[in-house]
C-alpha atoms as a PDB file:
ATOM      1  CA  UNK A   1     -36.102-120.311-175.216  1.00  0.00           C
ATOM      2  CA  UNK A   2     -33.444-122.832-174.311  1.00  0.00           C
ATOM      3  CA  UNK A   3     -30.950-120.076-173.567  1.00  0.00           C
ATOM      4  CA  UNK A   4     -33.402-118.317-171.316  1.00  0.00           C
ATOM      5  CA  UNK A   5     -33.986-121.551-169.366  1.00  0.00           C
ATOM      6  CA  UNK A   6     -30.228-122.077-168.960  1.00  0.00           C
ATOM      7  CA  UNK A   7     -29.757-118.485-167.801  1.00  0.00           C
ATOM      8  CA  UNK A   8     -32.612-118.794-165.302  1.00  0.00           C
ATOM      9  CA  UNK A   9     -31.192-122.026-163.845  1.00  0.00           C
ATOM     10  CA  UNK A  10     -27.759-120.463-163.608  1.00  0.00           C
ATOM     11  CA  UNK A  11     -29.133-117.542-161.610  1.00  0.00           C
ATOM     12  CA  UNK A  12     -30.934-119.904-159.219  1.00  0.00           C
ATOM     13  CA  UNK A  13     -27.705-121.845-158.730  1.00  0.00           C
ATOM     14  CA  UNK A  14     -25.723-118.674-157.952  1.00  0.00           C
ATOM     15  CA  UNK A  15     -28.315-117.453-155.449  1.00  0.00           C
ATOM     16  CA  UNK A  16     -28.383-120.830-153.709  1.00  0.00           C
ATOM     17  CA  UNK A  17     -24.589-120.954-153.621  1.00  0.00           C
ATOM     18  CA  UNK A  18     -24.397-117.487-152.052  1.00  0.00           C
ATOM     19  CA  UNK A  19     -26.979-118.513-149.460  1.00  0.00           C
ATOM     20  CA  UNK A  20     -24.983-121.591-148.542  1.00  0.00           C
ATOM     21  CA  UNK A  21     -21.788-119.514-148.177  1.00  0.00           C
ATOM     22  CA  UNK A  22     -23.542-116.963-145.916  1.00  0.00           C
ATOM     23  CA  UNK A  23     -24.963-119.735-143.758  1.00  0.00           C
ATOM     24  CA  UNK A  24     -21.519-121.298-143.442  1.00  0.00           C
ATOM     25  CA  UNK A  25     -19.999-117.941-142.349  1.00  0.00           C
ATOM     26  CA  UNK A  26     -22.793-117.420-139.826  1.00  0.00           C
ATOM     27  CA  UNK A  27     -22.203-120.876-138.336  1.00  0.00           C
ATOM     28  CA  UNK A  28     -18.459-120.206-138.097  1.00  0.00           C
ATOM     29  CA  UNK A  29     -19.065-116.843-136.398  1.00  0.00           C
ATOM     30  CA  UNK A  30     -21.486-118.454-133.952  1.00  0.00           C
ATOM     31  CA  UNK A  31     -18.977-121.171-133.106  1.00  0.00           C
ATOM     32  CA  UNK A  32     -16.217-118.589-132.562  1.00  0.00           C
ATOM     33  CA  UNK A  33     -18.480-116.512-130.327  1.00  0.00           C
ATOM     34  CA  UNK A  34     -19.465-119.502-128.249  1.00  0.00           C
ATOM     35  CA  UNK A  35     -15.796-120.423-127.758  1.00  0.00           C
ATOM     36  CA  UNK A  36     -14.884-116.950-126.319  1.00  0.00           C
ATOM     37  CA  UNK A  37     -14.943-116.827-122.519  1.00  0.00           C
ATOM     38  CA  UNK A  38     -15.387-113.484-120.745  1.00  0.00           C
ATOM     39  CA  UNK A  39     -12.939-113.027-117.849  1.00  0.00           C
ATOM     40  CA  UNK A  40     -14.293-110.903-114.998  1.00  0.00           C
ATOM     41  CA  UNK A  41     -11.593-108.914-113.137  1.00  0.00           C
ATOM     42  CA  UNK A  42     -11.001-109.550-109.462  1.00  0.00           C
ATOM     43  CA  UNK A  43     -12.570-106.521-107.811  1.00  0.00           C
ATOM     44  CA  UNK A  44     -10.995-105.776-104.448  1.00  0.00           C
ATOM     45  CA  UNK A  45     -12.565-102.836-102.690  1.00  0.00           C
ATOM     46  CA  UNK A  46     -10.164-101.199-100.256  1.00  0.00           C
ATOM     47  CA  UNK A  47     -11.506-100.211 -96.867  1.00  0.00           C
ATOM     48  CA  UNK A  48     -11.815 -96.479 -96.390  1.00  0.00           C
ATOM     49  CA  UNK A  49     -10.077 -95.081 -93.330  1.00  0.00           C
ATOM     50  CA  UNK A  50     -10.414 -91.672 -91.743  1.00  0.00           C
ATOM     51  CA  UNK A  51      -7.525 -89.269 -92.338  1.00  0.00           C
ATOM     52  CA  UNK A  52      -5.233 -88.770 -89.373  1.00  0.00           C
ATOM     53  CA  UNK A  53      -5.539 -85.018 -88.862  1.00  0.00           C
ATOM     54  CA  UNK A  54      -3.745 -83.430 -85.925  1.00  0.00           C
ATOM     55  CA  UNK A  55      -6.022 -81.546 -83.573  1.00  0.00           C
ATOM     56  CA  UNK A  56      -3.493 -80.037 -81.147  1.00  0.00           C
ATOM     57  CA  UNK A  57      -4.678 -76.716 -79.709  1.00  0.00           C
ATOM     58  CA  UNK A  58      -1.902 -76.032 -77.185  1.00  0.00           C
ATOM     59  CA  UNK A  59       1.574 -74.665 -77.910  1.00  0.00           C
ATOM     60  CA  UNK A  60       4.332 -74.283 -75.315  1.00  0.00           C
ATOM     61  CA  UNK A  61       7.781 -72.925 -76.088  1.00  0.00           C
ATOM     62  CA  UNK A  62      10.427 -70.268 -75.615  1.00  0.00           C
ATOM     63  CA  UNK A  63      11.640 -67.173 -77.446  1.00  0.00           C
ATOM     64  CA  UNK A  64      14.738 -65.006 -77.734  1.00  0.00           C
ATOM     65  CA  UNK A  65      15.208 -61.614 -79.330  1.00  0.00           C
ATOM     66  CA  UNK A  66      15.868 -57.932 -78.711  1.00  0.00           C
ATOM     67  CA  UNK A  67      13.997 -55.284 -76.734  1.00  0.00           C
ATOM     68  CA  UNK A  68      14.474 -51.568 -77.256  1.00  0.00           C
ATOM     69  CA  UNK A  69      13.480 -49.767 -74.051  1.00  0.00           C
ATOM     70  CA  UNK A  70      12.861 -46.074 -74.612  1.00  0.00           C
ATOM     71  CA  UNK A  71      15.730 -43.968 -73.191  1.00  0.00           C
ATOM     72  CA  UNK A  72      17.690 -47.115 -72.270  1.00  0.00           C
ATOM     73  CA  UNK A  73      18.875 -48.618 -75.551  1.00  0.00           C
ATOM     74  CA  UNK A  74      18.453 -52.091 -77.048  1.00  0.00           C
ATOM     75  CA  UNK A  75      19.227 -55.295 -75.193  1.00  0.00           C
ATOM     76  CA  UNK A  76      18.595 -59.025 -75.416  1.00  0.00           C
ATOM     77  CA  UNK A  77      15.285 -60.446 -74.253  1.00  0.00           C
ATOM     78  CA  UNK A  78      14.131 -63.997 -73.616  1.00  0.00           C
ATOM     79  CA  UNK A  79      11.139 -65.777 -72.145  1.00  0.00           C
ATOM     80  CA  UNK A  80       8.571 -68.538 -72.334  1.00  0.00           C
ATOM     81  CA  UNK A  81       5.123 -68.594 -73.893  1.00  0.00           C
ATOM     82  CA  UNK A  82       1.950 -70.680 -73.957  1.00  0.00           C
ATOM     83  CA  UNK A  83      -0.612 -70.466 -76.760  1.00  0.00           C
ATOM     84  CA  UNK A  84      -4.118 -71.902 -76.810  1.00  0.00           C
ATOM     85  CA  UNK A  85      -6.003 -71.939 -80.122  1.00  0.00           C
ATOM     86  CA  UNK A  86      -9.625 -70.997 -79.425  1.00  0.00           C
ATOM     87  CA  UNK A  87     -10.672 -71.386 -83.081  1.00  0.00           C
ATOM     88  CA  UNK A  88      -8.716 -71.730 -86.363  1.00  0.00           C
ATOM     89  CA  UNK A  89      -8.571 -67.902 -86.531  1.00  0.00           C
ATOM     90  CA  UNK A  90      -8.126 -66.912 -82.869  1.00  0.00           C
ATOM     91  CA  UNK A  91      -5.704 -67.820 -80.111  1.00  0.00           C
ATOM     92  CA  UNK A  92      -4.864 -66.623 -76.604  1.00  0.00           C
ATOM     93  CA  UNK A  93      -1.240 -66.224 -75.575  1.00  0.00           C
ATOM     94  CA  UNK A  94       0.422 -65.975 -72.167  1.00  0.00           C
ATOM     95  CA  UNK A  95       4.048 -64.753 -72.218  1.00  0.00           C
ATOM     96  CA  UNK A  96       6.669 -64.191 -69.544  1.00  0.00           C
ATOM     97  CA  UNK A  97       9.640 -62.136 -70.724  1.00  0.00           C
ATOM     98  CA  UNK A  98      12.773 -60.576 -69.289  1.00  0.00           C
ATOM     99  CA  UNK A  99      15.503 -58.229 -70.432  1.00  0.00           C
ATOM    100  CA  UNK A 100      18.558 -56.870 -68.605  1.00  0.00           C
ATOM    101  CA  UNK A 101      18.470 -53.189 -69.519  1.00  0.00           C
ATOM    102  CA  UNK A 102      21.672 -51.168 -69.725  1.00  0.00           C
ATOM    103  CA  UNK A 103      22.352 -47.656 -68.547  1.00  0.00           C
ATOM    104  CA  UNK A 104      20.225 -44.796 -69.798  1.00  0.00           C
ATOM    105  CA  UNK A 105      21.664 -42.232 -72.201  1.00  0.00           C
ATOM    106  CA  UNK A 106      21.535 -39.435 -69.651  1.00  0.00           C
ATOM    107  CA  UNK A 107      23.298 -41.656 -67.088  1.00  0.00           C
ATOM    108  CA  UNK A 108      26.245 -41.933 -69.446  1.00  0.00           C
ATOM    109  CA  UNK A 109      26.216 -38.168 -69.920  1.00  0.00           C
ATOM    110  CA  UNK A 110      26.308 -37.321 -66.200  1.00  0.00           C
ATOM    111  CA  UNK A 111      28.348 -40.437 -65.386  1.00  0.00           C
ATOM    112  CA  UNK A 112      26.028 -41.404 -62.572  1.00  0.00           C
ATOM    113  CA  UNK A 113      23.803 -44.440 -61.961  1.00  0.00           C
ATOM    114  CA  UNK A 114      20.180 -43.753 -61.031  1.00  0.00           C
ATOM    115  CA  UNK A 115      19.040 -47.389 -61.043  1.00  0.00           C
ATOM    116  CA  UNK A 116      20.243 -50.355 -59.063  1.00  0.00           C
ATOM    117  CA  UNK A 117      21.123 -53.589 -60.830  1.00  0.00           C
ATOM    118  CA  UNK A 118      17.792 -55.109 -59.773  1.00  0.00           C
ATOM    119  CA  UNK A 119      15.810 -52.114 -61.082  1.00  0.00           C
ATOM    120  CA  UNK A 120      17.481 -52.425 -64.486  1.00  0.00           C
ATOM    121  CA  UNK A 121      15.594 -55.664 -65.170  1.00  0.00           C
ATOM    122  CA  UNK A 122      12.622 -55.278 -67.500  1.00  0.00           C
ATOM    123  CA  UNK A 123      10.196 -58.095 -66.603  1.00  0.00           C
ATOM    124  CA  UNK A 124       6.738 -58.481 -68.100  1.00  0.00           C
ATOM    125  CA  UNK A 125       3.759 -60.814 -67.768  1.00  0.00           C
ATOM    126  CA  UNK A 126       1.510 -60.576 -70.801  1.00  0.00           C
ATOM    127  CA  UNK A 127      -1.897 -61.870 -71.826  1.00  0.00           C
ATOM    128  CA  UNK A 128      -2.774 -61.231 -75.458  1.00  0.00           C
ATOM    129  CA  UNK A 129      -5.239 -62.359 -78.089  1.00  0.00           C
ATOM    130  CA  UNK A 130      -4.484 -62.861 -81.772  1.00  0.00           C
ATOM    131  CA  UNK A 131      -6.581 -62.828 -84.938  1.00  0.00           C
ATOM    132  CA  UNK A 132      -5.454 -64.474 -88.172  1.00  0.00           C
ATOM    133  CA  UNK A 133      -5.461 -62.106 -91.153  1.00  0.00           C
ATOM    134  CA  UNK A 134      -3.528 -64.203 -93.702  1.00  0.00           C
ATOM    135  CA  UNK A 135      -2.737 -67.867 -94.193  1.00  0.00           C
ATOM    136  CA  UNK A 136      -0.911 -69.716 -96.915  1.00  0.00           C
ATOM    137  CA  UNK A 137       2.420 -71.433 -97.539  1.00  0.00           C
ATOM    138  CA  UNK A 138       6.029 -70.395 -97.132  1.00  0.00           C
ATOM    139  CA  UNK A 139       8.704 -71.773 -99.444  1.00  0.00           C
ATOM    140  CA  UNK A 140      12.277 -72.419 -98.330  1.00  0.00           C
ATOM    141  CA  UNK A 141      14.073 -73.763-101.364  1.00  0.00           C
ATOM    142  CA  UNK A 142      12.532 -75.640-104.278  1.00  0.00           C
ATOM    143  CA  UNK A 143      11.163 -78.609-102.328  1.00  0.00           C
ATOM    144  CA  UNK A 144      10.467 -77.242 -98.850  1.00  0.00           C
ATOM    145  CA  UNK A 145       7.080 -75.651 -98.248  1.00  0.00           C
ATOM    146  CA  UNK A 146       5.287 -75.052 -94.961  1.00  0.00           C
ATOM    147  CA  UNK A 147       1.893 -73.826 -93.833  1.00  0.00           C
ATOM    148  CA  UNK A 148       2.160 -70.295 -92.464  1.00  0.00           C
ATOM    149  CA  UNK A 149      -0.085 -67.731 -90.809  1.00  0.00           C
ATOM    150  CA  UNK A 150       0.038 -64.019 -89.974  1.00  0.00           C
ATOM    151  CA  UNK A 151      -1.779 -62.760 -86.878  1.00  0.00           C
ATOM    152  CA  UNK A 152      -2.547 -59.388 -85.354  1.00  0.00           C
ATOM    153  CA  UNK A 153      -1.868 -59.422 -81.604  1.00  0.00           C
ATOM    154  CA  UNK A 154      -3.129 -57.145 -78.817  1.00  0.00           C
ATOM    155  CA  UNK A 155      -3.457 -57.451 -75.061  1.00  0.00           C
ATOM    156  CA  UNK A 156      -2.603 -56.302 -71.557  1.00  0.00           C
ATOM    157  CA  UNK A 157       0.541 -56.765 -69.510  1.00  0.00           C
ATOM    158  CA  UNK A 158       2.203 -55.947 -66.233  1.00  0.00           C
ATOM    159  CA  UNK A 159       5.741 -54.556 -66.435  1.00  0.00           C
ATOM    160  CA  UNK A 160       8.250 -54.300 -63.601  1.00  0.00           C
ATOM    161  CA  UNK A 161      11.028 -51.864 -64.397  1.00  0.00           C
ATOM    162  CA  UNK A 162      12.902 -48.982 -62.763  1.00  0.00           C
ATOM    163  CA  UNK A 163      11.473 -49.765 -59.340  1.00  0.00           C
ATOM    164  CA  UNK A 164       7.884 -49.594 -60.607  1.00  0.00           C
ATOM    165  CA  UNK A 165       5.140 -52.054 -61.477  1.00  0.00           C
ATOM    166  CA  UNK A 166       2.894 -50.697 -64.223  1.00  0.00           C
ATOM    167  CA  UNK A 167       0.031 -52.014 -66.312  1.00  0.00           C
ATOM    168  CA  UNK A 168       0.335 -51.372 -70.010  1.00  0.00           C
ATOM    169  CA  UNK A 169      -0.788 -52.414 -73.467  1.00  0.00           C
ATOM    170  CA  UNK A 170       0.939 -54.571 -76.027  1.00  0.00           C
ATOM    171  CA  UNK A 171       0.168 -54.829 -79.743  1.00  0.00           C
ATOM    172  CA  UNK A 172       1.903 -56.141 -82.824  1.00  0.00           C
ATOM    173  CA  UNK A 173       1.946 -59.082 -85.205  1.00  0.00           C
ATOM    174  CA  UNK A 174       3.075 -62.700 -85.323  1.00  0.00           C
ATOM    175  CA  UNK A 175       4.288 -64.696 -88.305  1.00  0.00           C
ATOM    176  CA  UNK A 176       3.837 -68.399 -87.546  1.00  0.00           C
ATOM    177  CA  UNK A 177       5.341 -71.218 -89.645  1.00  0.00           C
ATOM    178  CA  UNK A 178       4.214 -74.802 -89.026  1.00  0.00           C
ATOM    179  CA  UNK A 179       7.357 -76.822 -89.782  1.00  0.00           C
ATOM    180  CA  UNK A 180       6.096 -80.246 -88.643  1.00  0.00           C
ATOM    181  CA  UNK A 181       2.959 -81.646 -87.017  1.00  0.00           C
ATOM    182  CA  UNK A 182       4.488 -80.888 -83.585  1.00  0.00           C
ATOM    183  CA  UNK A 183       6.717 -77.795 -84.035  1.00  0.00           C
ATOM    184  CA  UNK A 184       6.147 -74.162 -85.051  1.00  0.00           C
ATOM    185  CA  UNK A 185       8.459 -71.206 -85.636  1.00  0.00           C
ATOM    186  CA  UNK A 186       7.211 -67.806 -84.521  1.00  0.00           C
ATOM    187  CA  UNK A 187       8.475 -64.372 -85.513  1.00  0.00           C
ATOM    188  CA  UNK A 188       6.991 -61.603 -83.354  1.00  0.00           C
ATOM    189  CA  UNK A 189       7.153 -57.832 -83.598  1.00  0.00           C
ATOM    190  CA  UNK A 190       5.340 -55.953 -80.844  1.00  0.00           C
ATOM    191  CA  UNK A 191       5.269 -52.704 -78.943  1.00  0.00           C
ATOM    192  CA  UNK A 192       5.037 -52.475 -75.149  1.00  0.00           C
ATOM    193  CA  UNK A 193       3.132 -49.250 -74.451  1.00  0.00           C
ATOM    194  CA  UNK A 194       3.915 -48.347 -70.837  1.00  0.00           C
ATOM    195  CA  UNK A 195       3.417 -45.168 -68.813  1.00  0.00           C
ATOM    196  CA  UNK A 196       6.571 -44.701 -66.763  1.00  0.00           C
ATOM    197  CA  UNK A 197       7.324 -42.291 -63.930  1.00  0.00           C
ATOM    198  CA  UNK A 198      11.092 -41.966 -63.753  1.00  0.00           C
ATOM    199  CA  UNK A 199      12.820 -39.212 -61.773  1.00  0.00           C
ATOM    200  CA  UNK A 200       9.513 -37.286 -61.522  1.00  0.00           C
ATOM    201  CA  UNK A 201       9.203 -37.441 -65.304  1.00  0.00           C
ATOM    202  CA  UNK A 202       5.943 -39.193 -66.159  1.00  0.00           C
ATOM    203  CA  UNK A 203       5.438 -40.138 -69.796  1.00  0.00           C
ATOM    204  CA  UNK A 204       4.083 -42.820 -72.110  1.00  0.00           C
ATOM    205  CA  UNK A 205       6.897 -44.928 -73.534  1.00  0.00           C
ATOM    206  CA  UNK A 206       7.129 -47.176 -76.597  1.00  0.00           C
ATOM    207  CA  UNK A 207       9.325 -50.224 -76.155  1.00  0.00           C
ATOM    208  CA  UNK A 208       9.794 -52.271 -79.324  1.00  0.00           C
ATOM    209  CA  UNK A 209      10.515 -55.992 -79.171  1.00  0.00           C
ATOM    210  CA  UNK A 210      11.401 -58.469 -81.903  1.00  0.00           C
ATOM    211  CA  UNK A 211      11.837 -62.138 -81.084  1.00  0.00           C
ATOM    212  CA  UNK A 212      12.006 -65.592 -82.611  1.00  0.00           C
ATOM    213  CA  UNK A 213      10.322 -68.476 -80.823  1.00  0.00           C
ATOM    214  CA  UNK A 214       9.942 -72.233 -81.094  1.00  0.00           C
ATOM    215  CA  UNK A 215       6.765 -73.886 -79.835  1.00  0.00           C
ATOM    216  CA  UNK A 216       5.881 -77.537 -79.411  1.00  0.00           C
ATOM    217  CA  UNK A 217       2.296 -78.616 -80.165  1.00  0.00           C
ATOM    218  CA  UNK A 218       0.334 -80.692 -77.666  1.00  0.00           C
END
């Protein structure tokens, strides 16, 4: 009986001791928690600004290239152009071009000139419209990339050549590369379809032109 009483008292002492230890740990944890200060970060909200997007619709520039006039060989051509972008996919283009055409093949054969120096000038005034069929990026080297576009072009023109002034059609394509926010490169391939009456020989002629142009954006 005495042993049982001693064992019972020992158990009570152990339970009380464990309770005191737990209470001491809880008080220490509470003190540590109360001593911790929460630091709120300095929140600085930056002011949103609208992106500066260029909205130029007008291009003005010049071009230089080659023009192959049917029956008269290939010669240099040059001119000026103005482009107005109606929408992102369409633009209207006004071009003034000129080429000094050489002697015709049959003139060399008969060794006789049929055209005066003034009549050998191929001058055209052209109004065309273009539709964008592809757009993407062109890469020139590993780090240089530019926005680029491919357009189909068609329109009307007036051509003065061989002592005549004729209305014709023009059609082709333009490859446009936007190098900066104010400059574009343009590579054009087009056909001047003109009906020509030369030495009582009336026929429809195809005159192929390829040129490279540089336009400034406004």
